Amino acid sequence: MVGIFLDRPAVIPEFAEHAAALVADFGATDDAVLDVVFGHVRPEGRLPFGLPRSMAVVEAHPEELPGGTEDPVFPLGHALDNTSWRPRAVSRQES
């Protein structure tokens, strides 16, 4: 699992490709992120921007055009489908 703080779009295709899970946070506390990771609370939220596939794509995108790049790793508004999410009971031995 990779946890990443995002305050702006980042080029992270290698992380996304090789990580079993990718958790993005936008300034949450460590405790809040860990509550999601360990299944105590439901993950929620949507990406406020797209995550581009490469720096070359970013550099080729015209600066005067708003919006994201073509074929992003994760597009604007991407979110985990958590409709089947259930809290996970954690025993004292696991915590």
PDB file of N, CA and C in Angstrom:
ATOM      1  N   MET A   1       0.832  -1.166   0.000  1.00  0.00           N
ATOM      2  CA  MET A   1       0.000   0.000   0.000  1.00  0.00           C
ATOM      3  C   MET A   1       0.884   1.239   0.000  1.00  0.00           C
ATOM      4  N   VAL A   2       0.486   2.216  -0.785  1.00  0.00           N
ATOM      5  CA  VAL A   2       1.193   3.493  -0.832  1.00  0.00           C
ATOM      6  C   VAL A   2       0.233   4.579  -0.375  1.00  0.00           C
ATOM      7  N   GLY A   3       0.654   5.372   0.585  1.00  0.00           N
ATOM      8  CA  GLY A   3      -0.089   6.548   1.003  1.00  0.00           C
ATOM      9  C   GLY A   3       0.622   7.763   0.445  1.00  0.00           C
ATOM     10  N   ILE A   4      -0.146   8.681  -0.150  1.00  0.00           N
ATOM     11  CA  ILE A   4       0.473   9.855  -0.769  1.00  0.00           C
ATOM     12  C   ILE A   4      -0.345  11.098  -0.440  1.00  0.00           C
ATOM     13  N   PHE A   5       0.354  12.151  -0.023  1.00  0.00           N
ATOM     14  CA  PHE A   5      -0.278  13.443   0.221  1.00  0.00           C
ATOM     15  C   PHE A   5      -0.289  14.202  -1.099  1.00  0.00           C
ATOM     16  N   LEU A   6      -1.463  14.670  -1.486  1.00  0.00           N
ATOM     17  CA  LEU A   6      -1.589  15.423  -2.733  1.00  0.00           C
ATOM     18  C   LEU A   6      -2.141  16.813  -2.442  1.00  0.00           C
ATOM     19  N   ASP A   7      -1.389  17.832  -2.783  1.00  0.00           N
ATOM     20  CA  ASP A   7      -1.925  19.187  -2.705  1.00  0.00           C
ATOM     21  C   ASP A   7      -2.053  19.790  -4.101  1.00  0.00           C
ATOM     22  N   ARG A   8      -1.633  19.015  -5.100  1.00  0.00           N
ATOM     23  CA  ARG A   8      -1.754  19.401  -6.510  1.00  0.00           C
ATOM     24  C   ARG A   8      -1.570  18.133  -7.345  1.00  0.00           C
ATOM     25  N   PRO A   9      -1.888  18.180  -8.628  1.00  0.00           N
ATOM     26  CA  PRO A   9      -1.703  16.982  -9.456  1.00  0.00           C
ATOM     27  C   PRO A   9      -0.245  16.503  -9.421  1.00  0.00           C
ATOM     28  N   ALA A  10      -0.087  15.204  -9.409  1.00  0.00           N
ATOM     29  CA  ALA A  10       1.244  14.600  -9.378  1.00  0.00           C
ATOM     30  C   ALA A  10       1.332  13.523 -10.459  1.00  0.00           C
ATOM     31  N   VAL A  11       2.530  13.275 -10.926  1.00  0.00           N
ATOM     32  CA  VAL A  11       2.774  12.230 -11.920  1.00  0.00           C
ATOM     33  C   VAL A  11       3.216  10.987 -11.145  1.00  0.00           C
ATOM     34  N   ILE A  12       2.298  10.009 -11.001  1.00  0.00           N
ATOM     35  CA  ILE A  12       2.582   8.848 -10.150  1.00  0.00           C
ATOM     36  C   ILE A  12       2.228   7.506 -10.806  1.00  0.00           C
ATOM     37  N   PRO A  13       2.392   7.356 -12.120  1.00  0.00           N
ATOM     38  CA  PRO A  13       1.958   6.092 -12.731  1.00  0.00           C
ATOM     39  C   PRO A  13       2.693   4.863 -12.185  1.00  0.00           C
ATOM     40  N   GLU A  14       3.956   4.997 -11.806  1.00  0.00           N
ATOM     41  CA  GLU A  14       4.704   3.857 -11.287  1.00  0.00           C
ATOM     42  C   GLU A  14       4.132   3.394  -9.951  1.00  0.00           C
ATOM     43  N   PHE A  15       3.764   4.339  -9.086  1.00  0.00           N
ATOM     44  CA  PHE A  15       3.143   3.968  -7.816  1.00  0.00           C
ATOM     45  C   PHE A  15       1.816   3.259  -8.068  1.00  0.00           C
ATOM     46  N   ALA A  16       0.993   3.844  -8.932  1.00  0.00           N
ATOM     47  CA  ALA A  16      -0.324   3.273  -9.213  1.00  0.00           C
ATOM     48  C   ALA A  16      -0.215   1.884  -9.834  1.00  0.00           C
ATOM     49  N   GLU A  17       0.783   1.680 -10.665  1.00  0.00           N
ATOM     50  CA  GLU A  17       0.951   0.403 -11.353  1.00  0.00           C
ATOM     51  C   GLU A  17       1.423  -0.710 -10.420  1.00  0.00           C
ATOM     52  N   HIS A  18       2.294  -0.385  -9.472  1.00  0.00           N
ATOM     53  CA  HIS A  18       2.924  -1.415  -8.652  1.00  0.00           C
ATOM     54  C   HIS A  18       2.358  -1.549  -7.247  1.00  0.00           C
ATOM     55  N   ALA A  19       1.569  -0.603  -6.802  1.00  0.00           N
ATOM     56  CA  ALA A  19       1.035  -0.654  -5.439  1.00  0.00           C
ATOM     57  C   ALA A  19      -0.207  -1.536  -5.373  1.00  0.00           C
ATOM     58  N   ALA A  20      -0.317  -2.305  -4.305  1.00  0.00           N
ATOM     59  CA  ALA A  20      -1.526  -3.103  -4.083  1.00  0.00           C
ATOM     60  C   ALA A  20      -2.703  -2.178  -3.776  1.00  0.00           C
ATOM     61  N   ALA A  21      -2.428  -1.042  -3.169  1.00  0.00           N
ATOM     62  CA  ALA A  21      -3.449  -0.036  -2.868  1.00  0.00           C
ATOM     63  C   ALA A  21      -2.779   1.330  -2.885  1.00  0.00           C
ATOM     64  N   LEU A  22      -3.523   2.330  -3.272  1.00  0.00           N
ATOM     65  CA  LEU A  22      -3.023   3.701  -3.306  1.00  0.00           C
ATOM     66  C   LEU A  22      -4.031   4.571  -2.562  1.00  0.00           C
ATOM     67  N   VAL A  23      -3.585   5.187  -1.472  1.00  0.00           N
ATOM     68  CA  VAL A  23      -4.457   6.034  -0.659  1.00  0.00           C
ATOM     69  C   VAL A  23      -3.946   7.465  -0.768  1.00  0.00           C
ATOM     70  N   ALA A  24      -4.768   8.335  -1.325  1.00  0.00           N
ATOM     71  CA  ALA A  24      -4.407   9.749  -1.438  1.00  0.00           C
ATOM     72  C   ALA A  24      -5.075  10.513  -0.311  1.00  0.00           C
ATOM     73  N   ASP A  25      -4.320  11.396   0.300  1.00  0.00           N
ATOM     74  CA  ASP A  25      -4.920  12.262   1.313  1.00  0.00           C
ATOM     75  C   ASP A  25      -4.585  13.702   0.972  1.00  0.00           C
ATOM     76  N   PHE A  26      -5.447  14.578   1.407  1.00  0.00           N
ATOM     77  CA  PHE A  26      -5.344  15.995   1.054  1.00  0.00           C
ATOM     78  C   PHE A  26      -5.192  16.849   2.307  1.00  0.00           C
ATOM     79  N   GLY A  27      -4.476  16.316   3.292  1.00  0.00           N
ATOM     80  CA  GLY A  27      -4.245  17.057   4.518  1.00  0.00           C
ATOM     81  C   GLY A  27      -4.917  16.429   5.724  1.00  0.00           C
ATOM     82  N   ALA A  28      -5.383  15.200   5.603  1.00  0.00           N
ATOM     83  CA  ALA A  28      -5.997  14.512   6.733  1.00  0.00           C
ATOM     84  C   ALA A  28      -4.936  14.172   7.776  1.00  0.00           C
ATOM     85  N   THR A  29      -5.390  13.993   8.996  1.00  0.00           N
ATOM     86  CA  THR A  29      -4.450  13.589  10.046  1.00  0.00           C
ATOM     87  C   THR A  29      -4.031  12.133   9.829  1.00  0.00           C
ATOM     88  N   ASP A  30      -2.905  11.767  10.412  1.00  0.00           N
ATOM     89  CA  ASP A  30      -2.446  10.370  10.322  1.00  0.00           C
ATOM     90  C   ASP A  30      -3.500   9.418  10.874  1.00  0.00           C
ATOM     91  N   ASP A  31      -4.126   9.799  11.995  1.00  0.00           N
ATOM     92  CA  ASP A  31      -5.148   8.938  12.593  1.00  0.00           C
ATOM     93  C   ASP A  31      -6.327   8.727  11.647  1.00  0.00           C
ATOM     94  N   ALA A  32      -6.744   9.772  10.947  1.00  0.00           N
ATOM     95  CA  ALA A  32      -7.860   9.649  10.013  1.00  0.00           C
ATOM     96  C   ALA A  32      -7.511   8.727   8.851  1.00  0.00           C
ATOM     97  N   VAL A  33      -6.310   8.860   8.313  1.00  0.00           N
ATOM     98  CA  VAL A  33      -5.872   7.990   7.212  1.00  0.00           C
ATOM     99  C   VAL A  33      -5.791   6.542   7.693  1.00  0.00           C
ATOM    100  N   LEU A  34      -5.235   6.324   8.865  1.00  0.00           N
ATOM    101  CA  LEU A  34      -5.113   4.965   9.386  1.00  0.00           C
ATOM    102  C   LEU A  34      -6.475   4.346   9.694  1.00  0.00           C
ATOM    103  N   ASP A  35      -7.452   5.155  10.106  1.00  0.00           N
ATOM    104  CA  ASP A  35      -8.807   4.630  10.304  1.00  0.00           C
ATOM    105  C   ASP A  35      -9.366   4.069   9.000  1.00  0.00           C
ATOM    106  N   VAL A  36      -9.085   4.711   7.889  1.00  0.00           N
ATOM    107  CA  VAL A  36      -9.513   4.199   6.583  1.00  0.00           C
ATOM    108  C   VAL A  36      -8.720   2.946   6.219  1.00  0.00           C
ATOM    109  N   VAL A  37      -7.414   2.999   6.358  1.00  0.00           N
ATOM    110  CA  VAL A  37      -6.549   1.872   5.991  1.00  0.00           C
ATOM    111  C   VAL A  37      -6.933   0.613   6.760  1.00  0.00           C
ATOM    112  N   PHE A  38      -7.235   0.762   8.052  1.00  0.00           N
ATOM    113  CA  PHE A  38      -7.559  -0.408   8.869  1.00  0.00           C
ATOM    114  C   PHE A  38      -9.047  -0.747   8.879  1.00  0.00           C
ATOM    115  N   GLY A  39      -9.830  -0.049   8.078  1.00  0.00           N
ATOM    116  CA  GLY A  39     -11.225  -0.430   7.905  1.00  0.00           C
ATOM    117  C   GLY A  39     -12.182   0.043   8.977  1.00  0.00           C
ATOM    118  N   HIS A  40     -11.790   1.033   9.780  1.00  0.00           N
ATOM    119  CA  HIS A  40     -12.678   1.529  10.827  1.00  0.00           C
ATOM    120  C   HIS A  40     -13.716   2.512  10.296  1.00  0.00           C
ATOM    121  N   VAL A  41     -13.386   3.214   9.236  1.00  0.00           N
ATOM    122  CA  VAL A  41     -14.326   4.170   8.639  1.00  0.00           C
ATOM    123  C   VAL A  41     -14.359   3.980   7.126  1.00  0.00           C
ATOM    124  N   ARG A  42     -15.464   4.361   6.542  1.00  0.00           N
ATOM    125  CA  ARG A  42     -15.657   4.231   5.099  1.00  0.00           C
ATOM    126  C   ARG A  42     -14.820   5.273   4.360  1.00  0.00           C
ATOM    127  N   PRO A  43     -14.068   4.841   3.351  1.00  0.00           N
ATOM    128  CA  PRO A  43     -13.335   5.826   2.540  1.00  0.00           C
ATOM    129  C   PRO A  43     -14.331   6.641   1.726  1.00  0.00           C
ATOM    130  N   GLU A  44     -14.064   7.922   1.584  1.00  0.00           N
ATOM    131  CA  GLU A  44     -14.951   8.761   0.779  1.00  0.00           C
ATOM    132  C   GLU A  44     -14.169   9.906   0.174  1.00  0.00           C
ATOM    133  N   GLY A  45     -14.752  10.513  -0.819  1.00  0.00           N
ATOM    134  CA  GLY A  45     -14.128  11.653  -1.474  1.00  0.00           C
ATOM    135  C   GLY A  45     -13.842  11.354  -2.929  1.00  0.00           C
ATOM    136  N   ARG A  46     -13.604  12.398  -3.682  1.00  0.00           N
ATOM    137  CA  ARG A  46     -13.299  12.298  -5.109  1.00  0.00           C
ATOM    138  C   ARG A  46     -12.084  13.176  -5.399  1.00  0.00           C
ATOM    139  N   LEU A  47     -11.311  12.758  -6.394  1.00  0.00           N
ATOM    140  CA  LEU A  47     -10.141  13.557  -6.767  1.00  0.00           C
ATOM    141  C   LEU A  47     -10.587  14.932  -7.280  1.00  0.00           C
ATOM    142  N   PRO A  48      -9.994  16.000  -6.750  1.00  0.00           N
ATOM    143  CA  PRO A  48     -10.342  17.342  -7.218  1.00  0.00           C
ATOM    144  C   PRO A  48      -9.599  17.735  -8.496  1.00  0.00           C
ATOM    145  N   PHE A  49      -8.762  16.826  -8.998  1.00  0.00           N
ATOM    146  CA  PHE A  49      -8.014  17.046 -10.242  1.00  0.00           C
ATOM    147  C   PHE A  49      -7.608  15.683 -10.782  1.00  0.00           C
ATOM    148  N   GLY A  50      -7.249  15.634 -12.048  1.00  0.00           N
ATOM    149  CA  GLY A  50      -6.762  14.390 -12.635  1.00  0.00           C
ATOM    150  C   GLY A  50      -5.286  14.196 -12.334  1.00  0.00           C
ATOM    151  N   LEU A  51      -4.850  12.938 -12.340  1.00  0.00           N
ATOM    152  CA  LEU A  51      -3.433  12.642 -12.155  1.00  0.00           C
ATOM    153  C   LEU A  51      -2.859  12.195 -13.489  1.00  0.00           C
ATOM    154  N   PRO A  52      -1.975  13.013 -14.080  1.00  0.00           N
ATOM    155  CA  PRO A  52      -1.463  12.746 -15.427  1.00  0.00           C
ATOM    156  C   PRO A  52      -0.593  11.497 -15.510  1.00  0.00           C
ATOM    157  N   ARG A  53      -0.512  10.954 -16.699  1.00  0.00           N
ATOM    158  CA  ARG A  53       0.232   9.715 -16.939  1.00  0.00           C
ATOM    159  C   ARG A  53       1.743   9.938 -17.011  1.00  0.00           C
ATOM    160  N   SER A  54       2.175  11.116 -17.459  1.00  0.00           N
ATOM    161  CA  SER A  54       3.619  11.366 -17.561  1.00  0.00           C
ATOM    162  C   SER A  54       3.886  12.870 -17.561  1.00  0.00           C
ATOM    163  N   MET A  55       5.120  13.223 -17.285  1.00  0.00           N
ATOM    164  CA  MET A  55       5.521  14.625 -17.335  1.00  0.00           C
ATOM    165  C   MET A  55       5.499  15.136 -18.770  1.00  0.00           C
ATOM    166  N   ALA A  56       5.771  14.265 -19.719  1.00  0.00           N
ATOM    167  CA  ALA A  56       5.732  14.665 -21.131  1.00  0.00           C
ATOM    168  C   ALA A  56       4.322  15.094 -21.524  1.00  0.00           C
ATOM    169  N   VAL A  57       3.320  14.402 -21.022  1.00  0.00           N
ATOM    170  CA  VAL A  57       1.927  14.768 -21.315  1.00  0.00           C
ATOM    171  C   VAL A  57       1.603  16.124 -20.690  1.00  0.00           C
ATOM    172  N   VAL A  58       2.093  16.349 -19.474  1.00  0.00           N
ATOM    173  CA  VAL A  58       1.878  17.636 -18.800  1.00  0.00           C
ATOM    174  C   VAL A  58       2.530  18.757 -19.603  1.00  0.00           C
ATOM    175  N   GLU A  59       3.770  18.561 -20.028  1.00  0.00           N
ATOM    176  CA  GLU A  59       4.491  19.593 -20.770  1.00  0.00           C
ATOM    177  C   GLU A  59       3.866  19.867 -22.131  1.00  0.00           C
ATOM    178  N   ALA A  60       3.234  18.866 -22.744  1.00  0.00           N
ATOM    179  CA  ALA A  60       2.614  19.041 -24.053  1.00  0.00           C
ATOM    180  C   ALA A  60       1.231  19.697 -23.962  1.00  0.00           C
ATOM    181  N   HIS A  61       0.625  19.686 -22.769  1.00  0.00           N
ATOM    182  CA  HIS A  61      -0.716  20.263 -22.602  1.00  0.00           C
ATOM    183  C   HIS A  61      -0.625  21.789 -22.628  1.00  0.00           C
ATOM    184  N   PRO A  62      -1.397  22.450 -23.494  1.00  0.00           N
ATOM    185  CA  PRO A  62      -1.335  23.924 -23.571  1.00  0.00           C
ATOM    186  C   PRO A  62      -1.701  24.578 -22.231  1.00  0.00           C
ATOM    187  N   GLU A  63      -0.876  25.473 -21.767  1.00  0.00           N
ATOM    188  CA  GLU A  63      -1.101  26.136 -20.478  1.00  0.00           C
ATOM    189  C   GLU A  63      -2.390  26.932 -20.446  1.00  0.00           C
ATOM    190  N   GLU A  64      -2.796  27.467 -21.602  1.00  0.00           N
ATOM    191  CA  GLU A  64      -3.985  28.318 -21.618  1.00  0.00           C
ATOM    192  C   GLU A  64      -5.287  27.522 -21.616  1.00  0.00           C
ATOM    193  N   LEU A  65      -5.207  26.206 -21.756  1.00  0.00           N
ATOM    194  CA  LEU A  65      -6.405  25.375 -21.742  1.00  0.00           C
ATOM    195  C   LEU A  65      -6.627  24.795 -20.349  1.00  0.00           C
ATOM    196  N   PRO A  66      -7.793  25.098 -19.766  1.00  0.00           N
ATOM    197  CA  PRO A  66      -8.073  24.517 -18.455  1.00  0.00           C
ATOM    198  C   PRO A  66      -8.372  23.027 -18.583  1.00  0.00           C
ATOM    199  N   GLY A  67      -8.336  22.348 -17.481  1.00  0.00           N
ATOM    200  CA  GLY A  67      -8.671  20.930 -17.493  1.00  0.00           C
ATOM    201  C   GLY A  67      -7.443  20.062 -17.466  1.00  0.00           C
ATOM    202  N   GLY A  68      -7.702  18.780 -17.403  1.00  0.00           N
ATOM    203  CA  GLY A  68      -6.620  17.822 -17.271  1.00  0.00           C
ATOM    204  C   GLY A  68      -6.019  17.403 -18.589  1.00  0.00           C
ATOM    205  N   THR A  69      -5.139  16.442 -18.487  1.00  0.00           N
ATOM    206  CA  THR A  69      -4.441  15.919 -19.650  1.00  0.00           C
ATOM    207  C   THR A  69      -5.210  14.730 -20.226  1.00  0.00           C
ATOM    208  N   GLU A  70      -4.824  14.333 -21.428  1.00  0.00           N
ATOM    209  CA  GLU A  70      -5.443  13.161 -22.044  1.00  0.00           C
ATOM    210  C   GLU A  70      -4.979  11.895 -21.344  1.00  0.00           C
ATOM    211  N   ASP A  71      -5.867  10.915 -21.249  1.00  0.00           N
ATOM    212  CA  ASP A  71      -5.552   9.586 -20.718  1.00  0.00           C
ATOM    213  C   ASP A  71      -4.850   9.634 -19.358  1.00  0.00           C
ATOM    214  N   PRO A  72      -5.476  10.275 -18.356  1.00  0.00           N
ATOM    215  CA  PRO A  72      -4.830  10.337 -17.042  1.00  0.00           C
ATOM    216  C   PRO A  72      -4.818   8.966 -16.360  1.00  0.00           C
ATOM    217  N   VAL A  73      -3.916   8.793 -15.407  1.00  0.00           N
ATOM    218  CA  VAL A  73      -3.900   7.580 -14.601  1.00  0.00           C
ATOM    219  C   VAL A  73      -5.201   7.508 -13.807  1.00  0.00           C
ATOM    220  N   PHE A  74      -5.586   8.624 -13.191  1.00  0.00           N
ATOM    221  CA  PHE A  74      -6.861   8.766 -12.503  1.00  0.00           C
ATOM    222  C   PHE A  74      -7.470  10.092 -12.946  1.00  0.00           C
ATOM    223  N   PRO A  75      -8.683  10.091 -13.494  1.00  0.00           N
ATOM    224  CA  PRO A  75      -9.284  11.326 -13.979  1.00  0.00           C
ATOM    225  C   PRO A  75      -9.893  12.174 -12.852  1.00  0.00           C
ATOM    226  N   LEU A  76     -10.165  13.423 -13.160  1.00  0.00           N
ATOM    227  CA  LEU A  76     -10.878  14.317 -12.254  1.00  0.00           C
ATOM    228  C   LEU A  76     -12.131  13.606 -11.758  1.00  0.00           C
ATOM    229  N   GLY A  77     -12.352  13.627 -10.459  1.00  0.00           N
ATOM    230  CA  GLY A  77     -13.552  13.027  -9.882  1.00  0.00           C
ATOM    231  C   GLY A  77     -13.453  11.545  -9.588  1.00  0.00           C
ATOM    232  N   HIS A  78     -12.298  10.940  -9.865  1.00  0.00           N
ATOM    233  CA  HIS A  78     -12.149   9.504  -9.604  1.00  0.00           C
ATOM    234  C   HIS A  78     -12.372   9.224  -8.119  1.00  0.00           C
ATOM    235  N   ALA A  79     -13.018   8.106  -7.834  1.00  0.00           N
ATOM    236  CA  ALA A  79     -13.250   7.704  -6.448  1.00  0.00           C
ATOM    237  C   ALA A  79     -13.327   6.193  -6.363  1.00  0.00           C
ATOM    238  N   LEU A  80     -13.053   5.691  -5.198  1.00  0.00           N
ATOM    239  CA  LEU A  80     -13.180   4.270  -4.922  1.00  0.00           C
ATOM    240  C   LEU A  80     -14.656   3.904  -4.902  1.00  0.00           C
ATOM    241  N   ASP A  81     -15.002   2.809  -5.543  1.00  0.00           N
ATOM    242  CA  ASP A  81     -16.372   2.306  -5.462  1.00  0.00           C
ATOM    243  C   ASP A  81     -16.490   1.567  -4.142  1.00  0.00           C
ATOM    244  N   ASN A  82     -17.062   2.223  -3.163  1.00  0.00           N
ATOM    245  CA  ASN A  82     -17.106   1.614  -1.839  1.00  0.00           C
ATOM    246  C   ASN A  82     -18.510   1.152  -1.463  1.00  0.00           C
ATOM    247  N   THR A  83     -19.334   0.805  -2.441  1.00  0.00           N
ATOM    248  CA  THR A  83     -20.698   0.372  -2.145  1.00  0.00           C
ATOM    249  C   THR A  83     -20.730  -0.943  -1.379  1.00  0.00           C
ATOM    250  N   SER A  84     -19.705  -1.765  -1.520  1.00  0.00           N
ATOM    251  CA  SER A  84     -19.680  -3.032  -0.796  1.00  0.00           C
ATOM    252  C   SER A  84     -18.762  -2.975   0.427  1.00  0.00           C
ATOM    253  N   TRP A  85     -18.329  -1.790   0.807  1.00  0.00           N
ATOM    254  CA  TRP A  85     -17.419  -1.636   1.936  1.00  0.00           C
ATOM    255  C   TRP A  85     -18.112  -2.017   3.238  1.00  0.00           C
ATOM    256  N   ARG A  86     -17.414  -2.721   4.083  1.00  0.00           N
ATOM    257  CA  ARG A  86     -17.911  -3.076   5.422  1.00  0.00           C
ATOM    258  C   ARG A  86     -16.803  -2.797   6.426  1.00  0.00           C
ATOM    259  N   PRO A  87     -17.153  -2.325   7.623  1.00  0.00           N
ATOM    260  CA  PRO A  87     -16.106  -2.123   8.623  1.00  0.00           C
ATOM    261  C   PRO A  87     -15.460  -3.452   8.983  1.00  0.00           C
ATOM    262  N   ARG A  88     -14.218  -3.394   9.327  1.00  0.00           N
ATOM    263  CA  ARG A  88     -13.464  -4.599   9.674  1.00  0.00           C
ATOM    264  C   ARG A  88     -13.256  -4.629  11.175  1.00  0.00           C
ATOM    265  N   ALA A  89     -13.649  -5.726  11.781  1.00  0.00           N
ATOM    266  CA  ALA A  89     -13.424  -5.881  13.218  1.00  0.00           C
ATOM    267  C   ALA A  89     -11.936  -6.121  13.437  1.00  0.00           C
ATOM    268  N   VAL A  90     -11.362  -5.412  14.393  1.00  0.00           N
ATOM    269  CA  VAL A  90      -9.948  -5.549  14.687  1.00  0.00           C
ATOM    270  C   VAL A  90      -9.804  -6.062  16.115  1.00  0.00           C
ATOM    271  N   SER A  91      -9.117  -7.175  16.266  1.00  0.00           N
ATOM    272  CA  SER A  91      -8.881  -7.712  17.611  1.00  0.00           C
ATOM    273  C   SER A  91      -7.742  -6.955  18.256  1.00  0.00           C
ATOM    274  N   ARG A  92      -7.609  -7.071  19.529  1.00  0.00           N
ATOM    275  CA  ARG A  92      -6.519  -6.410  20.272  1.00  0.00           C
ATOM    276  C   ARG A  92      -5.159  -6.872  19.756  1.00  0.00           C
ATOM    277  N   GLN A  93      -5.042  -8.112  19.329  1.00  0.00           N
ATOM    278  CA  GLN A  93      -3.763  -8.638  18.851  1.00  0.00           C
ATOM    279  C   GLN A  93      -3.347  -7.978  17.562  1.00  0.00           C
ATOM    280  N   GLU A  94      -4.308  -7.571  16.709  1.00  0.00           N
ATOM    281  CA  GLU A  94      -3.992  -6.946  15.421  1.00  0.00           C
ATOM    282  C   GLU A  94      -3.617  -5.491  15.566  1.00  0.00           C
ATOM    283  N   SER A  95      -4.166  -4.807  16.566  1.00  0.00           N
ATOM    284  CA  SER A  95      -3.967  -3.360  16.662  1.00  0.00           C
ATOM    285  C   SER A  95      -2.685  -2.976  17.326  1.00  0.00           C
TER     286      SER A  95
END
